[in-house]
């Protein structure tokens, strides 16, 4: 087994003659121009060898990159993904031309050649999983963004045995910092958890998962410093200090690792892809899909007409938010509205009725969401959203309502 690190959460896993690509993101920037790779890639989708399967952990734009998936030549390649109840993951893949979609529940394997791709449960974002990728020649744990509570890691080790290599989540993207809040990341996302996971899985070698990103533009360095609380270097230092029996891999994009060959530098080289003007699938493909009638809506129309219509069509989406939320809209038009997501049929109320949760959002971005020019992921990553009131605690309290809004505006 050999693992080629392609940046962030993207790996090319070669096992028993089968090549499996995880969470493809090879075209910059993402989040509609807000974020790019750090370190920049020295190759693009055209430099990949033929792929036998793709494994997607979830639908966030740094894991499911429309320009990359569009550029891959073989749209008949099998794509393995978790069940999608609250996101548009399979629909997005179909829009991009992929025809062989294989939804797999936790522990339900997908077999190809001599390899198995097995989803493992996640307690994290909407419609998410992690993966065990294995064959006779080795076993790889692809952790993506998934939380790693000890009981789950112990269950994975019990089911599969020891692993050659694993990519572990380690608190590399601290979203609360973007929302004007102190960190509320649970401990199963941090360096301690990653170290514990490496030990529980019996890893020979460990990779820092999903930590190859930086914010663009003049404010980018400051945002990056505020948000990326735990870098790849922090992960490597911690593993080398506290678990010297595990090889902590500090790989550059294009480097590979295997038990037999160790670290191989610059295995994949080529020409970086041209920068993409859009990565959210609707503007990227010009789908024309909207959550509102044609024409730029007014703020009054959004709250009186369009948001109730959206929630009426998808009451399970409202239940995912599960809280009364006050929206303070600022910018070109201003207004304050309270939406009770526990009652999808109820009309929003003008003003702040004292809901325990409140956010401040830019008017133009709020309108763009209904016109499907951007997704809620972009708003969350833009440094323009603020949580002004919330109740600490585990979901559905705490910040869960903010993440749940991704189901309203996928």
Protein backbone atom coordinates (compact mmCIF):
# COMPACT_ATOMS: atom_id res chain seq x y z
CA UNK A 1 0.00 0.00 0.00
CA UNK A 2 1.16 3.51 -0.86
CA UNK A 3 -0.46 6.85 0.05
CA UNK A 4 0.27 9.94 -2.04
CA UNK A 5 -0.61 13.17 -0.22
CA UNK A 6 -2.29 15.61 -2.64
CA UNK A 7 -2.97 18.42 -0.17
CA UNK A 8 -5.53 19.05 2.58
CA UNK A 9 -7.78 15.94 2.78
CA UNK A 10 -7.01 14.66 -0.71
CA UNK A 11 -5.00 11.43 -0.98
CA UNK A 12 -4.35 8.94 -3.72
CA UNK A 13 -4.38 5.56 -1.97
CA UNK A 14 -2.87 2.69 -3.95
CA UNK A 15 -3.80 -0.72 -2.55
CA UNK A 16 -3.62 -4.07 -4.34
CA UNK A 17 -3.40 -2.40 -7.73
CA UNK A 18 -6.45 -0.18 -7.08
CA UNK A 19 -6.17 3.64 -6.99
CA UNK A 20 -8.66 5.43 -4.72
CA UNK A 21 -8.90 9.23 -4.64
CA UNK A 22 -10.24 10.82 -1.45
CA UNK A 23 -11.99 14.20 -1.13
CA UNK A 24 -10.70 15.71 -4.40
CA UNK A 25 -9.66 19.38 -4.19
CA UNK A 26 -6.95 20.22 -6.74
CA UNK A 27 -8.19 23.57 -8.13
CA UNK A 28 -7.86 26.89 -6.28
CA UNK A 29 -9.50 28.91 -4.84
CA UNK A 30 -12.48 27.54 -2.90
CA UNK A 31 -15.38 29.05 -0.96
CA UNK A 32 -15.95 31.40 -3.91
CA UNK A 33 -12.44 32.86 -3.85
CA UNK A 34 -11.91 33.04 -0.08
CA UNK A 35 -9.49 30.13 0.52
CA UNK A 36 -6.60 28.42 -1.27
CA UNK A 37 -4.03 25.70 -0.64
CA UNK A 38 -1.13 26.31 1.67
CA UNK A 39 1.37 25.03 0.35
CA UNK A 40 0.31 25.67 -3.31
CA UNK A 41 0.00 22.58 -5.44
CA UNK A 42 2.58 21.77 -8.11
CA UNK A 43 0.14 19.69 -10.16
CA UNK A 44 -3.49 19.57 -11.23
CA UNK A 45 -6.24 17.07 -12.09
CA UNK A 46 -4.66 16.39 -15.50
CA UNK A 47 -1.53 15.00 -13.79
CA UNK A 48 -3.33 12.23 -11.92
CA UNK A 49 -2.97 8.65 -13.15
CA UNK A 50 -6.19 6.73 -13.97
CA UNK A 51 -8.47 6.53 -10.92
CA UNK A 52 -10.43 3.40 -10.00
CA UNK A 53 -12.70 4.93 -7.33
CA UNK A 54 -13.41 8.17 -5.46
CA UNK A 55 -14.31 8.31 -1.75
CA UNK A 56 -16.05 11.46 -0.47
CA UNK A 57 -16.40 12.05 3.26
CA UNK A 58 -18.87 14.97 2.99
CA UNK A 59 -20.03 17.85 0.80
CA UNK A 60 -18.00 20.79 2.12
CA UNK A 61 -16.28 22.67 -0.67
CA UNK A 62 -12.78 21.81 0.57
CA UNK A 63 -13.66 18.11 0.23
CA UNK A 64 -15.98 18.08 -2.78
CA UNK A 65 -14.48 20.49 -5.30
CA UNK A 66 -16.62 20.94 -8.41
CA UNK A 67 -13.81 22.19 -10.72
CA UNK A 68 -11.64 19.19 -9.80
CA UNK A 69 -14.44 16.66 -10.25
CA UNK A 70 -15.44 18.29 -13.55
CA UNK A 71 -11.84 18.06 -14.82
CA UNK A 72 -11.44 14.33 -14.11
CA UNK A 73 -11.91 12.58 -17.46
CA UNK A 74 -13.75 9.42 -16.39
CA UNK A 75 -17.22 10.23 -15.06
CA UNK A 76 -18.09 6.52 -14.89
CA UNK A 77 -15.64 5.93 -12.04
CA UNK A 78 -17.41 4.64 -8.90
CA UNK A 79 -17.96 7.35 -6.27
CA UNK A 80 -18.54 6.19 -2.69
CA UNK A 81 -20.35 8.60 -0.37
CA UNK A 82 -22.30 8.60 2.91
CA UNK A 83 -26.12 8.73 2.98
CA UNK A 84 -27.26 12.24 2.11
CA UNK A 85 -30.36 13.28 4.04
CA UNK A 86 -29.60 16.99 4.48
CA UNK A 87 -27.12 17.89 1.73
CA UNK A 88 -27.10 17.71 -2.07
CA UNK A 89 -24.03 15.50 -2.31
CA UNK A 90 -25.41 12.90 -4.80
CA UNK A 91 -27.31 15.54 -6.78
CA UNK A 92 -24.13 17.59 -7.10
CA UNK A 93 -22.26 14.56 -8.41
CA UNK A 94 -24.98 13.89 -10.97
CA UNK A 95 -24.91 17.52 -12.10
CA UNK A 96 -21.18 17.08 -12.72
CA UNK A 97 -21.83 14.01 -14.86
CA UNK A 98 -21.00 11.15 -12.50
CA UNK A 99 -23.15 8.09 -13.06
CA UNK A 100 -21.83 5.39 -10.71
CA UNK A 101 -22.81 6.60 -7.23
CA UNK A 102 -22.55 4.19 -4.33
CA UNK A 103 -24.15 5.33 -1.08
CA UNK A 104 -22.81 3.40 1.87
CA UNK A 105 -24.00 3.49 5.48
CA UNK A 106 -21.47 3.16 8.31
CA UNK A 107 -19.62 -0.19 8.26
CA UNK A 108 -21.13 -1.10 4.86
CA UNK A 109 -18.17 -1.85 2.53
CA UNK A 110 -17.73 -1.05 -1.14
CA UNK A 111 -15.43 -3.54 -2.83
CA UNK A 112 -13.42 -2.93 -5.99
CA UNK A 113 -10.69 -5.23 -7.23
CA UNK A 114 -8.85 -6.43 -4.15
CA UNK A 115 -9.68 -3.28 -2.15
CA UNK A 116 -12.44 -2.37 0.30
CA UNK A 117 -13.70 1.13 1.11
CA UNK A 118 -15.58 1.03 4.42
CA UNK A 119 -17.33 4.13 5.85
CA UNK A 120 -17.05 4.66 9.59
CA UNK A 121 -19.50 6.77 11.64
CA UNK A 122 -19.06 10.48 12.24
CA UNK A 123 -20.54 12.71 14.91
CA UNK A 124 -19.59 15.84 12.98
CA UNK A 125 -21.06 17.89 10.12
CA UNK A 126 -24.11 16.98 8.04
CA UNK A 127 -24.01 13.72 6.09
CA UNK A 128 -20.39 12.91 6.97
CA UNK A 129 -18.26 9.82 7.41
CA UNK A 130 -14.63 8.74 7.60
CA UNK A 131 -13.18 5.72 5.75
CA UNK A 132 -11.14 2.61 6.21
CA UNK A 133 -9.41 1.74 2.92
CA UNK A 134 -7.82 -1.67 2.96
CA UNK A 135 -6.55 -4.64 1.00
CA UNK A 136 -4.02 -7.42 1.35
CA UNK A 137 -1.18 -4.92 1.01
CA UNK A 138 -2.24 -2.55 3.80
CA UNK A 139 -4.83 -0.48 5.65
CA UNK A 140 -5.37 3.31 5.65
CA UNK A 141 -7.68 5.39 7.88
CA UNK A 142 -9.01 8.48 6.09
CA UNK A 143 -10.29 10.66 8.91
CA UNK A 144 -11.26 13.76 6.91
CA UNK A 145 -12.91 16.23 9.29
CA UNK A 146 -14.59 13.55 11.38
CA UNK A 147 -14.45 13.78 15.19
CA UNK A 148 -12.55 10.97 16.87
CA UNK A 149 -14.08 10.08 20.25
CA UNK A 150 -12.15 7.26 21.95
CA UNK A 151 -15.05 4.80 21.91
CA UNK A 152 -15.35 5.10 18.12
CA UNK A 153 -11.61 4.70 17.52
CA UNK A 154 -11.63 1.63 19.76
CA UNK A 155 -14.54 0.18 17.78
CA UNK A 156 -12.68 0.76 14.49
CA UNK A 157 -9.55 -0.92 15.87
CA UNK A 158 -11.63 -3.84 17.15
CA UNK A 159 -13.28 -4.35 13.76
CA UNK A 160 -10.20 -3.93 11.54
CA UNK A 161 -7.01 -4.38 13.56
CA UNK A 162 -3.88 -2.24 13.22
CA UNK A 163 -3.37 0.34 10.45
CA UNK A 164 -0.37 1.15 8.34
CA UNK A 165 -1.22 4.84 7.98
CA UNK A 166 -3.91 7.29 9.01
CA UNK A 167 -4.91 10.90 8.29
CA UNK A 168 -6.28 12.36 11.53
CA UNK A 169 -8.39 15.43 12.29
CA UNK A 170 -6.56 17.70 14.74
CA UNK A 171 -8.48 21.01 15.04
CA UNK A 172 -6.91 22.67 12.00
CA UNK A 173 -9.94 24.87 11.14
CA UNK A 174 -11.54 26.53 14.16
CA UNK A 175 -14.82 27.84 12.76
CA UNK A 176 -15.93 29.65 15.97
CA UNK A 177 -12.97 32.00 15.56
CA UNK A 178 -14.52 33.20 12.27
CA UNK A 179 -17.83 33.88 14.01
CA UNK A 180 -16.32 36.18 16.63
CA UNK A 181 -16.33 33.55 19.36
CA UNK A 182 -13.70 31.75 21.43
CA UNK A 183 -12.93 28.19 20.45
CA UNK A 184 -15.63 25.67 21.28
CA UNK A 185 -14.11 22.77 19.38
CA UNK A 186 -14.76 19.52 21.25
CA UNK A 187 -11.72 17.65 22.54
CA UNK A 188 -12.19 14.84 20.02
CA UNK A 189 -11.04 17.23 17.28
CA UNK A 190 -7.79 18.35 18.92
CA UNK A 191 -4.18 17.26 19.11
CA UNK A 192 -4.83 15.07 22.17
CA UNK A 193 -7.58 13.23 20.32
CA UNK A 194 -5.44 12.79 17.21
CA UNK A 195 -2.61 11.40 19.28
CA UNK A 196 -5.00 9.04 21.08
CA UNK A 197 -6.48 7.93 17.77
CA UNK A 198 -3.04 7.20 16.35
CA UNK A 199 -2.30 4.96 19.31
CA UNK A 200 -5.70 3.22 19.33
CA UNK A 201 -5.47 2.44 15.62
CA UNK A 202 -1.94 1.12 15.98
CA UNK A 203 -0.65 3.42 13.24
CA UNK A 204 2.79 2.94 11.77
CA UNK A 205 2.61 6.46 10.28
CA UNK A 206 0.30 9.45 10.79
CA UNK A 207 -0.69 12.35 8.52
CA UNK A 208 -2.31 15.61 9.62
CA UNK A 209 -5.74 15.58 7.95
CA UNK A 210 -7.45 18.58 6.35
CA UNK A 211 -4.92 21.25 7.28
CA UNK A 212 -3.57 22.59 3.99
CA UNK A 213 -5.53 25.87 3.59
CA UNK A 214 -5.16 29.63 3.97
CA UNK A 215 -7.42 32.62 3.42
CA UNK A 216 -6.80 34.84 0.38
CA UNK A 217 -6.79 38.60 -0.07
CA UNK A 218 -5.38 41.49 1.95
CA UNK A 219 -7.03 40.27 5.16
CA UNK A 220 -6.07 36.65 4.48
CA UNK A 221 -2.99 36.35 6.72
CA UNK A 222 -4.84 37.73 9.72
CA UNK A 223 -7.88 35.50 9.20
CA UNK A 224 -5.67 32.46 8.69
CA UNK A 225 -3.75 33.14 11.89
CA UNK A 226 -7.00 33.47 13.81
CA UNK A 227 -8.68 30.38 12.36
CA UNK A 228 -5.97 27.75 11.85
CA UNK A 229 -5.34 26.99 15.51
CA UNK A 230 -3.44 23.73 15.01
CA UNK A 231 -1.15 23.43 11.98
CA UNK A 232 0.41 20.35 10.40
CA UNK A 233 3.66 21.32 12.12
CA UNK A 234 1.89 21.31 15.51
CA UNK A 235 0.54 17.84 14.77
CA UNK A 236 3.93 16.49 13.72
CA UNK A 237 5.66 17.98 16.77
CA UNK A 238 3.08 16.50 19.15
CA UNK A 239 3.26 13.00 17.68
CA UNK A 240 7.07 13.01 17.57
CA UNK A 241 7.23 14.18 21.18
CA UNK A 242 4.58 11.95 22.76
CA UNK A 243 4.45 8.92 20.45
CA UNK A 244 7.94 8.48 18.98
CA UNK A 245 7.09 4.94 17.92
CA UNK A 246 4.66 6.40 15.33
CA UNK A 247 6.19 8.06 12.28
CA UNK A 248 4.76 11.60 12.02
CA UNK A 249 4.70 12.46 8.33
CA UNK A 250 5.34 16.06 7.27
CA UNK A 251 4.50 15.57 3.61
CA UNK A 252 4.37 18.23 0.94
CA UNK A 253 1.66 17.88 -1.73
CA UNK A 254 2.90 15.26 -4.19
CA UNK A 255 4.93 13.29 -1.63
CA UNK A 256 4.16 9.63 -0.91
CA UNK A 257 4.60 7.16 1.93
CA UNK A 258 4.65 3.37 2.08
CA UNK A 259 5.94 0.86 4.62
CA UNK A 260 8.41 -0.51 2.10
CA UNK A 261 9.68 2.73 0.59
CA UNK A 262 9.19 5.23 3.42
CA UNK A 263 8.80 8.84 2.32
CA UNK A 264 9.18 9.55 -1.41
CA UNK A 265 9.44 13.22 -2.31
CA UNK A 266 7.82 14.69 -5.42
CA UNK A 267 6.12 11.54 -6.67
CA UNK A 268 3.42 13.61 -8.41
CA UNK A 269 4.46 16.68 -10.38
CA UNK A 270 3.01 18.63 -13.24
CA UNK A 271 1.17 21.87 -13.96
CA UNK A 272 -1.22 23.51 -11.48
CA UNK A 273 -4.76 23.96 -12.75
CA UNK A 274 -5.95 27.40 -13.83
CA UNK A 275 -7.70 29.27 -11.03
CA UNK A 276 -11.47 28.79 -10.97
CA UNK A 277 -13.89 31.74 -10.75
CA UNK A 278 -16.46 29.53 -8.95
CA UNK A 279 -16.39 26.33 -6.95
CA UNK A 280 -19.97 26.21 -5.64
CA UNK A 281 -21.69 23.97 -8.17
CA UNK A 282 -24.62 26.27 -9.08
CA UNK A 283 -22.63 29.26 -10.41
CA UNK A 284 -19.93 26.87 -11.64
CA UNK A 285 -22.41 25.05 -13.89
CA UNK A 286 -24.91 27.88 -14.32
CA UNK A 287 -27.75 25.65 -13.14
CA UNK A 288 -30.19 28.54 -12.72
CA UNK A 289 -31.64 26.91 -9.59
CA UNK A 290 -32.97 29.30 -6.94
CA UNK A 291 -34.74 29.36 -3.57
CA UNK A 292 -36.78 32.40 -4.71
CA UNK A 293 -38.65 33.56 -7.83
CA UNK A 294 -36.74 35.36 -10.63
CA UNK A 295 -35.47 38.83 -9.84
CA UNK A 296 -33.54 40.21 -6.90
CA UNK A 297 -35.88 39.84 -3.90
CA UNK A 298 -36.37 42.42 -1.19
CA UNK A 299 -35.52 41.65 2.41
CA UNK A 300 -39.25 41.67 3.23
CA UNK A 301 -39.95 39.10 0.48
CA UNK A 302 -37.18 36.81 1.73
CA UNK A 303 -38.63 36.57 5.23
CA UNK A 304 -42.34 36.79 4.38
CA UNK A 305 -42.34 34.55 1.29
CA UNK A 306 -39.13 32.71 0.39
CA UNK A 307 -37.80 31.35 3.69
CA UNK A 308 -41.21 29.97 4.77
CA UNK A 309 -41.60 28.35 1.33
CA UNK A 310 -38.17 26.75 1.59
CA UNK A 311 -38.87 25.35 5.08
CA UNK A 312 -42.34 24.13 4.08
CA UNK A 313 -40.77 22.04 1.31
CA UNK A 314 -38.18 20.53 3.65
CA UNK A 315 -39.42 20.40 7.27
CA UNK A 316 -36.59 17.98 8.17
CA UNK A 317 -34.20 20.81 7.32
CA UNK A 318 -35.90 23.10 9.84
CA UNK A 319 -35.72 20.36 12.44
CA UNK A 320 -31.96 20.12 11.89
CA UNK A 321 -31.59 23.78 12.95
CA UNK A 322 -34.05 23.05 15.73
CA UNK A 323 -34.00 26.44 17.49
CA UNK A 324 -35.62 29.88 17.36
CA UNK A 325 -33.03 32.17 15.75
CA UNK A 326 -32.93 35.95 15.49
CA UNK A 327 -31.46 37.30 12.22
CA UNK A 328 -30.04 40.82 12.28
CA UNK A 329 -29.55 41.80 8.62
CA UNK A 330 -27.16 44.68 7.94
CA UNK A 331 -25.95 46.46 4.81
CA UNK A 332 -27.98 47.76 1.87
CA UNK A 333 -31.26 46.82 3.54
CA UNK A 334 -31.55 46.35 7.26
CA UNK A 335 -34.00 44.56 9.49
CA UNK A 336 -34.37 42.12 12.35
CA UNK A 337 -36.47 38.96 12.12
CA UNK A 338 -36.98 35.96 14.40
CA UNK A 339 -37.51 32.55 12.82
CA UNK A 340 -38.73 29.62 14.92
CA UNK A 341 -37.21 26.56 13.24
CA UNK A 342 -39.05 24.31 15.67
CA UNK A 343 -42.27 25.35 13.86
CA UNK A 344 -41.55 25.24 10.11
CA UNK A 345 -45.08 26.41 9.23
CA UNK A 346 -44.94 29.51 11.42
CA UNK A 347 -44.34 32.88 9.80
CA UNK A 348 -41.15 34.73 10.83
CA UNK A 349 -41.75 37.58 13.28
CA UNK A 350 -40.35 41.03 12.72
CA UNK A 351 -37.95 42.15 15.45
CA UNK A 352 -35.95 40.41 18.16
CA UNK A 353 -38.33 38.34 20.27
CA UNK A 354 -35.58 37.19 22.64
CA UNK A 355 -34.61 33.94 20.94
CA UNK A 356 -31.59 32.36 22.67
CA UNK A 357 -29.69 32.33 19.37
CA UNK A 358 -28.91 35.31 17.14
CA UNK A 359 -26.69 36.05 14.15
CA UNK A 360 -25.71 39.18 12.25
CA UNK A 361 -25.56 38.63 8.48
CA UNK A 362 -24.80 40.87 5.50
CA UNK A 363 -27.86 41.67 3.37
CA UNK A 364 -26.19 40.98 0.02
CA UNK A 365 -24.93 37.60 1.16
CA UNK A 366 -28.35 36.78 2.61
CA UNK A 367 -29.96 37.51 -0.78
CA UNK A 368 -27.25 35.57 -2.63
CA UNK A 369 -28.16 32.48 -0.59
CA UNK A 370 -31.72 32.52 -1.92
CA UNK A 371 -30.51 33.07 -5.48
CA UNK A 372 -28.04 30.15 -5.04
CA UNK A 373 -25.08 32.32 -5.95
CA UNK A 374 -23.36 31.11 -2.76
CA UNK A 375 -23.93 28.41 -0.16
CA UNK A 376 -24.06 28.78 3.63
CA UNK A 377 -20.57 27.27 3.70
CA UNK A 378 -19.32 30.41 1.96
CA UNK A 379 -21.06 32.69 4.46
CA UNK A 380 -19.56 30.71 7.35
CA UNK A 381 -16.07 31.08 5.83
CA UNK A 382 -16.31 34.73 4.81
CA UNK A 383 -15.51 36.46 8.12
CA UNK A 384 -18.68 38.54 7.68
CA UNK A 385 -21.06 36.49 9.82
CA UNK A 386 -21.27 37.01 13.57
CA UNK A 387 -23.01 34.97 16.23
CA UNK A 388 -24.29 37.60 18.65
CA UNK A 389 -26.15 35.31 21.08
CA UNK A 390 -25.94 31.59 21.76
CA UNK A 391 -26.17 29.02 24.54
CA UNK A 392 -23.04 26.96 25.14
CA UNK A 393 -23.41 23.23 25.01
CA UNK A 394 -23.52 20.15 22.85
CA UNK A 395 -25.88 19.93 19.82
CA UNK A 396 -28.60 20.90 19.35
CA UNK A 397 -27.55 23.78 21.61
CA UNK A 398 -24.27 25.64 21.29
CA UNK A 399 -23.27 26.52 17.75
CA UNK A 400 -25.21 23.67 16.19
CA UNK A 401 -27.86 26.05 14.85
CA UNK A 402 -25.21 27.83 12.75
CA UNK A 403 -24.01 24.59 11.17
CA UNK A 404 -27.59 23.36 10.77
CA UNK A 405 -28.31 26.29 8.46
CA UNK A 406 -26.12 24.52 5.89
CA UNK A 407 -29.11 22.21 5.37
CA UNK A 408 -31.34 25.21 4.61
CA UNK A 409 -28.90 26.65 2.06
CA UNK A 410 -26.89 23.69 0.66
